[in-house]
Amino acid sequence: MGLFSSKPPQAQAVQRAGIDLKCDHCAHDLFFQGEAQLHSQVATLFGLEGWEPNATYYACERCGRLHWFRSPESA
């Protein structure tokens, strides 16, 4: 999907570790997915942010609550 794409992302049902994800706040079951890099103060101080792990987040379509998951290999 490009920067100027006219089609907005679609919320989807999500499964993590074989369990259907439901929002902790409103119990909705459709989410938008995104990726973010996790930063620590020490890594930022020394300019090493590129070595920090990534996390996947799911934003509830209904209320916007974020549910964060790290990759099992980065734990």
C-alpha atoms as a PDB file:
ATOM      1  CA  MET A   1       0.000   0.000   0.000  1.00  0.00           C
ATOM      2  CA  GLY A   2       1.529   3.289  -1.086  1.00  0.00           C
ATOM      3  CA  LEU A   3       1.728   6.606   0.669  1.00  0.00           C
ATOM      4  CA  PHE A   4      -1.069   8.110  -1.421  1.00  0.00           C
ATOM      5  CA  SER A   5      -3.262   5.019  -1.616  1.00  0.00           C
ATOM      6  CA  SER A   6      -6.959   5.819  -1.782  1.00  0.00           C
ATOM      7  CA  LYS A   7      -8.039   2.578  -0.092  1.00  0.00           C
ATOM      8  CA  PRO A   8      -7.996   2.854   3.722  1.00  0.00           C
ATOM      9  CA  PRO A   9      -6.799  -0.124   5.778  1.00  0.00           C
ATOM     10  CA  GLN A  10      -9.481  -2.601   6.835  1.00  0.00           C
ATOM     11  CA  ALA A  11      -9.931  -3.799  10.410  1.00  0.00           C
ATOM     12  CA  GLN A  12      -9.488  -7.558  10.758  1.00  0.00           C
ATOM     13  CA  ALA A  13      -9.967 -10.332  13.284  1.00  0.00           C
ATOM     14  CA  VAL A  14      -6.647 -11.238  14.949  1.00  0.00           C
ATOM     15  CA  GLN A  15      -5.294 -14.426  16.480  1.00  0.00           C
ATOM     16  CA  ARG A  16      -2.167 -14.499  18.664  1.00  0.00           C
ATOM     17  CA  ALA A  17      -0.780 -17.786  20.031  1.00  0.00           C
ATOM     18  CA  GLY A  18      -3.926 -19.526  18.798  1.00  0.00           C
ATOM     19  CA  ILE A  19      -6.284 -17.262  20.769  1.00  0.00           C
ATOM     20  CA  ASP A  20      -8.770 -14.839  19.201  1.00  0.00           C
ATOM     21  CA  LEU A  21      -7.952 -11.290  20.300  1.00  0.00           C
ATOM     22  CA  LYS A  22     -10.760  -9.309  21.927  1.00  0.00           C
ATOM     23  CA  CYS A  23     -10.361  -5.757  23.141  1.00  0.00           C
ATOM     24  CA  ASP A  24      -9.713  -5.551  26.901  1.00  0.00           C
ATOM     25  CA  HIS A  25     -11.815  -2.400  27.094  1.00  0.00           C
ATOM     26  CA  CYS A  26     -14.895  -2.922  24.890  1.00  0.00           C
ATOM     27  CA  ALA A  27     -14.668  -6.638  23.876  1.00  0.00           C
ATOM     28  CA  HIS A  28     -14.706  -5.755  20.151  1.00  0.00           C
ATOM     29  CA  ASP A  29     -12.923  -8.226  17.868  1.00  0.00           C
ATOM     30  CA  LEU A  30     -11.738  -6.196  14.856  1.00  0.00           C
ATOM     31  CA  PHE A  31      -8.372  -4.413  14.843  1.00  0.00           C
ATOM     32  CA  PHE A  32      -6.050  -2.316  12.704  1.00  0.00           C
ATOM     33  CA  GLN A  33      -2.461  -3.624  12.712  1.00  0.00           C
ATOM     34  CA  GLY A  34       0.740  -1.605  12.916  1.00  0.00           C
ATOM     35  CA  GLU A  35       4.440  -1.996  13.726  1.00  0.00           C
ATOM     36  CA  ALA A  36       6.594   0.135  15.989  1.00  0.00           C
ATOM     37  CA  GLN A  37      10.189   0.060  17.125  1.00  0.00           C
ATOM     38  CA  LEU A  38      10.728  -0.022  20.891  1.00  0.00           C
ATOM     39  CA  HIS A  39      13.339   2.400  22.221  1.00  0.00           C
ATOM     40  CA  SER A  40      15.119   2.572  25.543  1.00  0.00           C
ATOM     41  CA  GLN A  41      16.696   5.720  26.958  1.00  0.00           C
ATOM     42  CA  VAL A  42      20.165   4.132  26.887  1.00  0.00           C
ATOM     43  CA  ALA A  43      19.910   3.121  23.206  1.00  0.00           C
ATOM     44  CA  THR A  44      18.689   6.613  22.321  1.00  0.00           C
ATOM     45  CA  LEU A  45      21.531   8.218  24.305  1.00  0.00           C
ATOM     46  CA  PHE A  46      24.134   6.267  22.308  1.00  0.00           C
ATOM     47  CA  GLY A  47      22.296   6.411  18.948  1.00  0.00           C
ATOM     48  CA  LEU A  48      21.625   2.666  18.860  1.00  0.00           C
ATOM     49  CA  GLU A  49      17.875   2.728  18.212  1.00  0.00           C
ATOM     50  CA  GLY A  50      18.280   0.513  15.135  1.00  0.00           C
ATOM     51  CA  TRP A  51      19.254  -2.401  17.381  1.00  0.00           C
ATOM     52  CA  GLU A  52      16.102  -2.209  19.469  1.00  0.00           C
ATOM     53  CA  PRO A  53      13.313  -4.803  19.013  1.00  0.00           C
ATOM     54  CA  ASN A  54      10.111  -4.211  17.068  1.00  0.00           C
ATOM     55  CA  ALA A  55       6.589  -4.786  18.336  1.00  0.00           C
ATOM     56  CA  THR A  56       3.274  -5.321  16.617  1.00  0.00           C
ATOM     57  CA  TYR A  57       0.283  -3.399  17.877  1.00  0.00           C
ATOM     58  CA  TYR A  58      -3.396  -3.850  17.214  1.00  0.00           C
ATOM     59  CA  ALA A  59      -5.711  -0.841  17.540  1.00  0.00           C
ATOM     60  CA  CYS A  60      -9.325  -1.659  18.351  1.00  0.00           C
ATOM     61  CA  GLU A  61     -11.618  -0.503  15.555  1.00  0.00           C
ATOM     62  CA  ARG A  62     -14.312   0.556  18.038  1.00  0.00           C
ATOM     63  CA  CYS A  63     -12.544   2.300  20.930  1.00  0.00           C
ATOM     64  CA  GLY A  64      -8.920   2.689  19.753  1.00  0.00           C
ATOM     65  CA  ARG A  65      -7.281   0.825  22.642  1.00  0.00           C
ATOM     66  CA  LEU A  66      -3.815  -0.453  21.683  1.00  0.00           C
ATOM     67  CA  HIS A  67      -2.780  -4.046  22.351  1.00  0.00           C
ATOM     68  CA  TRP A  68       1.018  -4.531  22.086  1.00  0.00           C
ATOM     69  CA  PHE A  69       2.868  -7.769  21.273  1.00  0.00           C
ATOM     70  CA  ARG A  70       6.609  -8.371  21.031  1.00  0.00           C
ATOM     71  CA  SER A  71       7.907 -11.107  18.780  1.00  0.00           C
ATOM     72  CA  PRO A  72       8.644 -14.247  20.815  1.00  0.00           C
ATOM     73  CA  GLU A  73      12.255 -14.255  19.517  1.00  0.00           C
ATOM     74  CA  SER A  74      12.857 -10.717  20.837  1.00  0.00           C
ATOM     75  CA  ALA A  75      11.636 -11.497  24.361  1.00  0.00           C
END
